[in-house]
C-alpha atoms as a PDB file:
ATOM      1  CA  MET A   1      20.484 -14.336 -19.250  1.00  0.00           C
ATOM      2  CA  ASN A   2      21.667 -15.527 -22.710  1.00  0.00           C
ATOM      3  CA  ILE A   3      23.073 -18.909 -23.729  1.00  0.00           C
ATOM      4  CA  ARG A   4      26.684 -17.732 -23.548  1.00  0.00           C
ATOM      5  CA  SER A   5      26.286 -16.650 -19.921  1.00  0.00           C
ATOM      6  CA  LEU A   6      24.518 -19.920 -19.114  1.00  0.00           C
ATOM      7  CA  LEU A   7      27.384 -21.955 -20.588  1.00  0.00           C
ATOM      8  CA  ALA A   8      29.905 -19.829 -18.705  1.00  0.00           C
ATOM      9  CA  LEU A   9      28.038 -20.476 -15.461  1.00  0.00           C
ATOM     10  CA  TRP A  10      28.026 -24.218 -16.103  1.00  0.00           C
ATOM     11  CA  SER A  11      31.688 -24.313 -17.099  1.00  0.00           C
ATOM     12  CA  ASN A  12      32.645 -22.595 -13.814  1.00  0.00           C
ATOM     13  CA  ARG A  13      31.100 -25.032 -11.325  1.00  0.00           C
ATOM     14  CA  ARG A  14      33.026 -24.019  -8.220  1.00  0.00           C
ATOM     15  CA  TRP A  15      29.766 -23.844  -6.248  1.00  0.00           C
ATOM     16  CA  LEU A  16      29.222 -27.605  -6.619  1.00  0.00           C
ATOM     17  CA  PRO A  17      30.338 -29.951  -3.802  1.00  0.00           C
ATOM     18  CA  LYS A  18      33.373 -32.181  -4.210  1.00  0.00           C
ATOM     19  CA  ARG A  19      32.849 -35.322  -6.255  1.00  0.00           C
ATOM     20  CA  ASP A  20      34.623 -37.848  -4.088  1.00  0.00           C
ATOM     21  CA  GLY A  21      32.860 -40.965  -2.854  1.00  0.00           C
ATOM     22  CA  ALA A  22      32.506 -39.820   0.748  1.00  0.00           C
ATOM     23  CA  THR A  23      30.750 -36.656  -0.259  1.00  0.00           C
ATOM     24  CA  ALA A  24      28.500 -38.570  -2.627  1.00  0.00           C
ATOM     25  CA  GLY A  25      27.476 -41.048   0.009  1.00  0.00           C
ATOM     26  CA  SER A  26      26.774 -38.457   2.711  1.00  0.00           C
ATOM     27  CA  SER A  27      25.082 -35.780   0.597  1.00  0.00           C
ATOM     28  CA  SER A  28      22.628 -38.181  -1.025  1.00  0.00           C
ATOM     29  CA  LYS A  29      20.604 -38.403   2.176  1.00  0.00           C
ATOM     30  CA  ASP A  30      18.167 -35.608   2.976  1.00  0.00           C
ATOM     31  CA  THR A  31      17.700 -34.698   6.619  1.00  0.00           C
ATOM     32  CA  PRO A  32      14.772 -33.066   8.481  1.00  0.00           C
ATOM     33  CA  LEU A  33      17.102 -30.158   9.208  1.00  0.00           C
ATOM     34  CA  GLN A  34      17.528 -29.462   5.496  1.00  0.00           C
ATOM     35  CA  ASP A  35      13.764 -29.633   4.995  1.00  0.00           C
ATOM     36  CA  PHE A  36      13.241 -27.174   7.844  1.00  0.00           C
ATOM     37  CA  LEU A  37      15.877 -24.758   6.515  1.00  0.00           C
ATOM     38  CA  GLU A  38      14.378 -24.850   3.030  1.00  0.00           C
ATOM     39  CA  LYS A  39      10.911 -24.095   4.363  1.00  0.00           C
ATOM     40  CA  TYR A  40      12.212 -21.369   6.668  1.00  0.00           C
ATOM     41  CA  ALA A  41      14.184 -19.649   3.906  1.00  0.00           C
ATOM     42  CA  SER A  42      11.286 -19.911   1.435  1.00  0.00           C
ATOM     43  CA  ASP A  43       8.823 -18.440   3.937  1.00  0.00           C
ATOM     44  CA  GLY A  44      11.236 -15.612   4.715  1.00  0.00           C
ATOM     45  CA  PHE A  45      11.682 -14.821   1.033  1.00  0.00           C
ATOM     46  CA  LYS A  46       7.902 -14.763   0.461  1.00  0.00           C
ATOM     47  CA  ARG A  47       7.435 -12.600   3.550  1.00  0.00           C
ATOM     48  CA  GLU A  48       9.877 -10.014   2.234  1.00  0.00           C
ATOM     49  CA  LEU A  49       8.097  -9.963  -1.127  1.00  0.00           C
ATOM     50  CA  ASP A  50       4.752  -9.410   0.623  1.00  0.00           C
ATOM     51  CA  PHE A  51       6.215  -6.560   2.662  1.00  0.00           C
ATOM     52  CA  ASP A  52       7.559  -4.873  -0.468  1.00  0.00           C
ATOM     53  CA  GLU A  53       4.093  -5.091  -2.042  1.00  0.00           C
ATOM     54  CA  ALA A  54       2.504  -3.755   1.164  1.00  0.00           C
ATOM     55  CA  VAL A  55       4.542  -0.566   0.823  1.00  0.00           C
ATOM     56  CA  TRP A  56       3.060   0.047  -2.613  1.00  0.00           C
ATOM     57  CA  ARG A  57      -0.443  -0.877  -1.446  1.00  0.00           C
ATOM     58  CA  SER A  58      -0.248   1.785   1.276  1.00  0.00           C
ATOM     59  CA  LEU A  59       0.820   4.454  -1.217  1.00  0.00           C
ATOM     60  CA  PRO A  60      -2.765   5.568  -2.144  1.00  0.00           C
ATOM     61  CA  ALA A  61      -3.515   6.308   1.515  1.00  0.00           C
ATOM     62  CA  PHE A  62      -0.411   8.495   1.804  1.00  0.00           C
ATOM     63  CA  VAL A  63      -1.205  10.314  -1.448  1.00  0.00           C
ATOM     64  CA  THR A  64      -4.804  10.964  -0.341  1.00  0.00           C
ATOM     65  CA  ALA A  65      -3.695  12.332   3.028  1.00  0.00           C
ATOM     66  CA  ILE A  66      -1.059  14.574   1.444  1.00  0.00           C
ATOM     67  CA  GLY A  67      -3.560  15.868  -1.138  1.00  0.00           C
ATOM     68  CA  LEU A  68      -6.107  16.688   1.555  1.00  0.00           C
ATOM     69  CA  LEU A  69      -3.502  18.519   3.626  1.00  0.00           C
ATOM     70  CA  ALA A  70      -2.335  20.447   0.564  1.00  0.00           C
ATOM     71  CA  ALA A  71      -5.914  21.581  -0.171  1.00  0.00           C
ATOM     72  CA  LEU A  72      -6.461  22.728   3.421  1.00  0.00           C
ATOM     73  CA  LEU A  73      -3.140  24.548   3.526  1.00  0.00           C
ATOM     74  CA  ALA A  74      -3.900  26.304   0.228  1.00  0.00           C
ATOM     75  CA  TYR A  75      -7.265  27.452   1.579  1.00  0.00           C
ATOM     76  CA  GLU A  76      -5.635  28.781   4.743  1.00  0.00           C
ATOM     77  CA  PHE A  77      -2.963  30.652   2.771  1.00  0.00           C
ATOM     78  CA  ILE A  78      -5.650  32.244   0.576  1.00  0.00           C
ATOM     79  CA  HIS A  79      -7.635  33.218   3.661  1.00  0.00           C
ATOM     80  CA  LEU A  80      -4.550  34.747   5.265  1.00  0.00           C
ATOM     81  CA  ALA A  81      -3.610  36.673   2.120  1.00  0.00           C
ATOM     82  CA  THR A  82      -6.413  39.190   2.770  1.00  0.00           C
ATOM     83  CA  ALA A  83      -6.086  39.199   6.549  1.00  0.00           C
ATOM     84  CA  ASP A  84      -5.123  42.113   8.742  1.00  0.00           C
ATOM     85  CA  TRP A  85      -1.484  41.551   9.684  1.00  0.00           C
ATOM     86  CA  ARG A  86      -1.781  43.912  12.646  1.00  0.00           C
ATOM     87  CA  ASN A  87      -3.807  41.194  14.330  1.00  0.00           C
ATOM     88  CA  LEU A  88      -1.639  38.802  16.337  1.00  0.00           C
ATOM     89  CA  THR A  89      -4.110  35.984  15.737  1.00  0.00           C
ATOM     90  CA  ASN A  90      -3.464  36.161  11.995  1.00  0.00           C
ATOM     91  CA  LEU A  91       0.283  36.059  12.579  1.00  0.00           C
ATOM     92  CA  LEU A  92      -0.147  32.991  14.761  1.00  0.00           C
ATOM     93  CA  GLY A  93      -2.277  31.331  12.086  1.00  0.00           C
ATOM     94  CA  LEU A  94       0.371  32.098   9.454  1.00  0.00           C
ATOM     95  CA  GLY A  95       3.097  30.524  11.580  1.00  0.00           C
ATOM     96  CA  LEU A  96       1.051  27.392  12.166  1.00  0.00           C
ATOM     97  CA  THR A  97       0.208  27.137   8.465  1.00  0.00           C
ATOM     98  CA  VAL A  98       3.871  27.418   7.510  1.00  0.00           C
ATOM     99  CA  CYS A  99       4.736  24.685  10.022  1.00  0.00           C
ATOM    100  CA  GLY A 100       2.020  22.477   8.510  1.00  0.00           C
ATOM    101  CA  ALA A 101       3.392  23.056   4.999  1.00  0.00           C
ATOM    102  CA  LEU A 102       6.962  22.234   6.081  1.00  0.00           C
ATOM    103  CA  SER A 103       5.777  19.073   7.846  1.00  0.00           C
ATOM    104  CA  THR A 104       3.948  17.994   4.694  1.00  0.00           C
ATOM    105  CA  LEU A 105       7.116  18.498   2.653  1.00  0.00           C
ATOM    106  CA  ALA A 106       9.054  16.412   5.196  1.00  0.00           C
ATOM    107  CA  ALA A 107       6.468  13.631   4.839  1.00  0.00           C
ATOM    108  CA  LEU A 108       6.893  13.739   1.059  1.00  0.00           C
ATOM    109  CA  TRP A 109      10.674  13.622   1.423  1.00  0.00           C
ATOM    110  CA  HIS A 110      10.627  10.471   3.550  1.00  0.00           C
ATOM    111  CA  LEU A 111       7.943   8.890   1.357  1.00  0.00           C
ATOM    112  CA  ARG A 112      10.352   9.311  -1.557  1.00  0.00           C
ATOM    113  CA  PHE A 113      12.827   6.982   0.161  1.00  0.00           C
ATOM    114  CA  ALA A 114      10.054   4.500   0.964  1.00  0.00           C
ATOM    115  CA  ILE A 115       9.102   4.091  -2.701  1.00  0.00           C
ATOM    116  CA  LYS A 116      12.615   4.399  -4.074  1.00  0.00           C
ATOM    117  CA  THR A 117      13.468   1.637  -6.541  1.00  0.00           C
ATOM    118  CA  ARG A 118      15.928  -0.852  -5.065  1.00  0.00           C
ATOM    119  CA  ARG A 119      17.643  -3.858  -6.599  1.00  0.00           C
ATOM    120  CA  HIS A 120      16.013  -6.816  -4.906  1.00  0.00           C
ATOM    121  CA  ARG A 121      17.647 -10.193  -5.138  1.00  0.00           C
ATOM    122  CA  TYR A 122      15.883 -13.296  -6.421  1.00  0.00           C
ATOM    123  CA  PRO A 123      16.819 -16.975  -6.714  1.00  0.00           C
ATOM    124  CA  ALA A 124      18.381 -18.322  -9.882  1.00  0.00           C
ATOM    125  CA  ASP A 125      16.325 -18.532 -13.022  1.00  0.00           C
ATOM    126  CA  GLU A 126      14.368 -21.759 -13.444  1.00  0.00           C
ATOM    127  CA  GLN A 127      15.979 -22.502 -16.777  1.00  0.00           C
ATOM    128  CA  ILE A 128      19.451 -22.188 -15.278  1.00  0.00           C
ATOM    129  CA  VAL A 129      18.550 -24.484 -12.383  1.00  0.00           C
ATOM    130  CA  ARG A 130      17.165 -27.091 -14.770  1.00  0.00           C
ATOM    131  CA  VAL A 131      20.194 -27.054 -17.082  1.00  0.00           C
ATOM    132  CA  VAL A 132      22.705 -27.196 -14.219  1.00  0.00           C
ATOM    133  CA  ALA A 133      20.848 -29.993 -12.412  1.00  0.00           C
ATOM    134  CA  LEU A 134      20.534 -32.166 -15.523  1.00  0.00           C
ATOM    135  CA  GLY A 135      24.177 -31.534 -16.441  1.00  0.00           C
ATOM    136  CA  ARG A 136      25.234 -32.566 -12.945  1.00  0.00           C
ATOM    137  CA  LEU A 137      23.124 -35.702 -13.250  1.00  0.00           C
ATOM    138  CA  ASP A 138      24.812 -36.707 -16.503  1.00  0.00           C
ATOM    139  CA  GLU A 139      28.226 -36.026 -15.022  1.00  0.00           C
ATOM    140  CA  LEU A 140      27.554 -38.246 -12.006  1.00  0.00           C
ATOM    141  CA  VAL A 141      26.370 -41.060 -14.259  1.00  0.00           C
ATOM    142  CA  LYS A 142      29.571 -40.787 -16.299  1.00  0.00           C
ATOM    143  CA  HIS A 143      31.558 -41.069 -13.053  1.00  0.00           C
ATOM    144  CA  GLY A 144      30.140 -44.552 -12.509  1.00  0.00           C
ATOM    145  CA  LEU A 145      27.160 -43.944 -10.241  1.00  0.00           C
ATOM    146  CA  THR A 146      23.908 -45.738 -10.884  1.00  0.00           C
ATOM    147  CA  PRO A 147      21.058 -43.599 -12.234  1.00  0.00           C
ATOM    148  CA  GLU A 148      19.273 -43.797  -8.873  1.00  0.00           C
ATOM    149  CA  GLU A 149      22.338 -42.738  -6.894  1.00  0.00           C
ATOM    150  CA  ALA A 150      23.201 -40.016  -9.392  1.00  0.00           C
ATOM    151  CA  GLU A 151      19.686 -38.599  -9.286  1.00  0.00           C
ATOM    152  CA  ALA A 152      19.624 -38.657  -5.477  1.00  0.00           C
ATOM    153  CA  GLN A 153      22.930 -36.822  -5.212  1.00  0.00           C
ATOM    154  CA  ALA A 154      22.028 -34.339  -7.970  1.00  0.00           C
ATOM    155  CA  LEU A 155      18.764 -33.595  -6.160  1.00  0.00           C
ATOM    156  CA  THR A 156      20.554 -33.061  -2.850  1.00  0.00           C
ATOM    157  CA  GLU A 157      23.133 -30.745  -4.412  1.00  0.00           C
ATOM    158  CA  THR A 158      20.441 -28.800  -6.239  1.00  0.00           C
ATOM    159  CA  ARG A 159      18.421 -28.379  -3.039  1.00  0.00           C
ATOM    160  CA  LYS A 160      21.509 -27.212  -1.183  1.00  0.00           C
ATOM    161  CA  ASN A 161      22.298 -24.625  -3.838  1.00  0.00           C
ATOM    162  CA  TYR A 162      18.663 -23.508  -3.834  1.00  0.00           C
ATOM    163  CA  LEU A 163      18.766 -23.129  -0.049  1.00  0.00           C
ATOM    164  CA  ASP A 164      21.915 -21.012  -0.198  1.00  0.00           C
ATOM    165  CA  ASP A 165      20.499 -18.885  -3.010  1.00  0.00           C
ATOM    166  CA  ILE A 166      17.081 -18.196  -1.506  1.00  0.00           C
ATOM    167  CA  ALA A 167      18.519 -17.585   1.977  1.00  0.00           C
ATOM    168  CA  ALA A 168      20.935 -14.994   0.570  1.00  0.00           C
ATOM    169  CA  ALA A 169      18.096 -13.375  -1.402  1.00  0.00           C
ATOM    170  CA  ALA A 170      15.820 -13.226   1.652  1.00  0.00           C
ATOM    171  CA  SER A 171      18.574 -11.691   3.788  1.00  0.00           C
ATOM    172  CA  HIS A 172      19.393  -9.101   1.118  1.00  0.00           C
ATOM    173  CA  ASN A 173      15.742  -8.143   0.601  1.00  0.00           C
ATOM    174  CA  HIS A 174      15.195  -7.911   4.345  1.00  0.00           C
ATOM    175  CA  GLY A 175      17.854  -5.198   4.571  1.00  0.00           C
ATOM    176  CA  LEU A 176      16.173  -3.226   1.783  1.00  0.00           C
ATOM    177  CA  ASN A 177      12.716  -3.596   3.291  1.00  0.00           C
ATOM    178  CA  ALA A 178      13.985  -2.502   6.703  1.00  0.00           C
ATOM    179  CA  ALA A 179      15.083   0.800   5.153  1.00  0.00           C
ATOM    180  CA  LYS A 180      11.665   1.113   3.488  1.00  0.00           C
ATOM    181  CA  LEU A 181       9.929   0.481   6.809  1.00  0.00           C
ATOM    182  CA  VAL A 182      11.936   3.217   8.536  1.00  0.00           C
ATOM    183  CA  ALA A 183      11.207   5.710   5.739  1.00  0.00           C
ATOM    184  CA  ARG A 184       7.477   4.886   5.694  1.00  0.00           C
ATOM    185  CA  THR A 185       7.244   5.235   9.472  1.00  0.00           C
ATOM    186  CA  LYS A 186       8.954   8.632   9.379  1.00  0.00           C
ATOM    187  CA  SER A 187       6.637   9.759   6.576  1.00  0.00           C
ATOM    188  CA  ALA A 188       3.551   8.723   8.569  1.00  0.00           C
ATOM    189  CA  ARG A 189       4.880  10.511  11.660  1.00  0.00           C
ATOM    190  CA  TRP A 190       5.398  13.746   9.732  1.00  0.00           C
ATOM    191  CA  LEU A 191       1.925  13.432   8.219  1.00  0.00           C
ATOM    192  CA  ILE A 192       0.414  13.285  11.707  1.00  0.00           C
ATOM    193  CA  ILE A 193       2.405  16.378  12.732  1.00  0.00           C
ATOM    194  CA  ALA A 194       1.338  18.201   9.556  1.00  0.00           C
ATOM    195  CA  ALA A 195      -2.313  17.323  10.183  1.00  0.00           C
ATOM    196  CA  ALA A 196      -2.094  18.689  13.730  1.00  0.00           C
ATOM    197  CA  PHE A 197      -0.540  21.965  12.561  1.00  0.00           C
ATOM    198  CA  THR A 198      -3.087  22.299   9.762  1.00  0.00           C
ATOM    199  CA  LEU A 199      -6.104  21.736  11.993  1.00  0.00           C
ATOM    200  CA  ILE A 200      -4.875  24.185  14.625  1.00  0.00           C
ATOM    201  CA  ALA A 201      -4.043  26.757  11.959  1.00  0.00           C
ATOM    202  CA  GLY A 202      -7.510  26.332  10.455  1.00  0.00           C
ATOM    203  CA  SER A 203      -9.124  26.847  13.828  1.00  0.00           C
ATOM    204  CA  VAL A 204      -7.131  30.019  14.399  1.00  0.00           C
ATOM    205  CA  THR A 205      -7.445  31.581  10.946  1.00  0.00           C
ATOM    206  CA  VAL A 206     -11.034  30.628  10.149  1.00  0.00           C
ATOM    207  CA  PHE A 207     -13.104  30.038  13.246  1.00  0.00           C
ATOM    208  CA  LEU A 208     -11.568  32.665  15.513  1.00  0.00           C
ATOM    209  CA  GLN A 209     -11.733  35.293  12.784  1.00  0.00           C
ATOM    210  CA  THR A 210     -15.400  34.604  11.884  1.00  0.00           C
ATOM    211  CA  PRO A 211     -17.881  36.349  14.230  1.00  0.00           C
ATOM    212  CA  LEU A 212     -20.700  34.297  15.653  1.00  0.00           C
ATOM    213  CA  ALA A 213     -24.339  34.832  14.637  1.00  0.00           C
ATOM    214  CA  GLY A 214     -25.234  36.347  18.011  1.00  0.00           C
ATOM    215  CA  ALA A 215     -22.322  38.746  17.751  1.00  0.00           C
ATOM    216  CA  ASN A 216     -23.501  39.862  14.305  1.00  0.00           C
ATOM    217  CA  SER A 217     -27.027  40.566  15.562  1.00  0.00           C
ATOM    218  CA  ASP A 218     -25.692  42.492  18.550  1.00  0.00           C
ATOM    219  CA  GLU A 219     -23.506  44.586  16.258  1.00  0.00           C
ATOM    220  CA  ARG A 220     -26.456  45.374  13.988  1.00  0.00           C
ATOM    221  CA  HIS A 221     -28.574  46.289  17.014  1.00  0.00           C
ATOM    222  CA  ASN A 222     -25.866  48.574  18.342  1.00  0.00           C
ATOM    223  CA  GLU A 223     -25.531  50.269  14.974  1.00  0.00           C
ATOM    224  CA  SER A 224     -29.275  50.895  14.700  1.00  0.00           C
ATOM    225  CA  ALA A 225     -29.682  52.089  18.313  1.00  0.00           C
ATOM    226  CA  PRO A 226     -27.932  55.486  17.880  1.00  0.00           C
ATOM    227  CA  SER A 227     -30.034  56.320  14.832  1.00  0.00           C
ATOM    228  CA  ALA A 228     -33.230  55.512  16.723  1.00  0.00           C
ATOM    229  CA  SER A 229     -32.172  57.523  19.726  1.00  0.00           C
ATOM    230  CA  ALA A 230     -31.166  60.375  17.457  1.00  0.00           C
ATOM    231  CA  ALA A 231     -34.549  60.276  15.756  1.00  0.00           C
ATOM    232  CA  THR A 232     -36.428  60.467  19.064  1.00  0.00           C
ATOM    233  CA  PRO A 233     -35.582  64.131  19.944  1.00  0.00           C
ATOM    234  CA  ALA A 234     -36.401  65.158  16.378  1.00  0.00           C
ATOM    235  CA  ALA A 235     -39.785  63.469  16.585  1.00  0.00           C
ATOM    236  CA  ALA A 236     -40.455  65.115  19.937  1.00  0.00           C
ATOM    237  CA  THR A 237     -39.578  68.524  18.540  1.00  0.00           C
ATOM    238  CA  ALA A 238     -41.841  68.002  15.530  1.00  0.00           C
ATOM    239  CA  ALA A 239     -44.725  66.962  17.786  1.00  0.00           C
ATOM    240  CA  ALA A 240     -44.269  70.007  19.991  1.00  0.00           C
ATOM    241  CA  ALA A 241     -44.253  72.269  16.951  1.00  0.00           C
ATOM    242  CA  ALA A 242     -47.460  70.690  15.659  1.00  0.00           C
ATOM    243  CA  LEU A 243     -49.231  71.267  18.919  1.00  0.00           C
ATOM    244  CA  GLY A 244     -48.110  74.882  18.891  1.00  0.00           C
ATOM    245  CA  GLY A 245     -49.521  76.777  21.805  1.00  0.00           C
ATOM    246  CA  LYS A 246     -52.459  74.476  22.415  1.00  0.00           C
ATOM    247  CA  GLY A 247     -50.880  73.211  25.536  1.00  0.00           C
ATOM    248  CA  ARG A 248     -50.530  76.708  27.037  1.00  0.00           C
ATOM    249  CA  ASN A 249     -53.251  78.774  28.764  1.00  0.00           C
ATOM    250  CA  ASP A 250     -53.954  81.626  26.325  1.00  0.00           C
ATOM    251  CA  PRO A 251     -55.573  84.672  28.094  1.00  0.00           C
ATOM    252  CA  ALA A 252     -57.849  85.317  25.130  1.00  0.00           C
ATOM    253  CA  GLU A 253     -59.341  81.903  25.400  1.00  0.00           C
ATOM    254  CA  VAL A 254     -59.840  81.979  29.139  1.00  0.00           C
ATOM    255  CA  PRO A 255     -63.556  82.516  29.930  1.00  0.00           C
ATOM    256  CA  VAL A 256     -64.410  85.689  31.856  1.00  0.00           C
ATOM    257  CA  ASP A 257     -66.748  85.403  34.724  1.00  0.00           C
END
């Protein structure tokens, strides 16, 4: 804020209390209620600032989860690209993978609203508060109050204005942070749904389509069994041919009594 705006703010002092004697006498006394309200409003304002920072601190976790899901979904799409579409299991895996991708996009969409830049409200600038408070002090002294009375009333008025300002800022920021909380919760919910779809799709497209080690050995055994059985009659025929007629009783070789 420049000097011209500061002077305009000071020249338009409608926010200050009335300057009559009754108001001066009553507002110069601080009460425990005012102390409590100041502390309550200040704590609420700090709490809303901490919540806004917590949203940004949780952003790396969301980005990591979304990146991991994107890598898994890309692997599943590549695996399904060369799959046999006549198999119903592959079609089921494709449907689950598409659902996981759509859920991830929904999580990104809601995360966009959680990190969207919003115009938070803050109390008045310290320089403005100092100039207005000292100007009010000089004005009260010119109106005939003693320096002690003028300082007490200027302090009370400044504290009241600070209370109104910080309470309005805390209430405004609370509304913005409530919208951020809703968007972050929806994003986390969609991330959980996307993770469930992705894991189920991975189980269907990868594990169910990959034969087990025992199944591979059985298939190799079954493939080799026909060749062995086919080779057995050939070996028997070759052995019989090698023996020739040695197994038969030849009349020429039969001894004559």
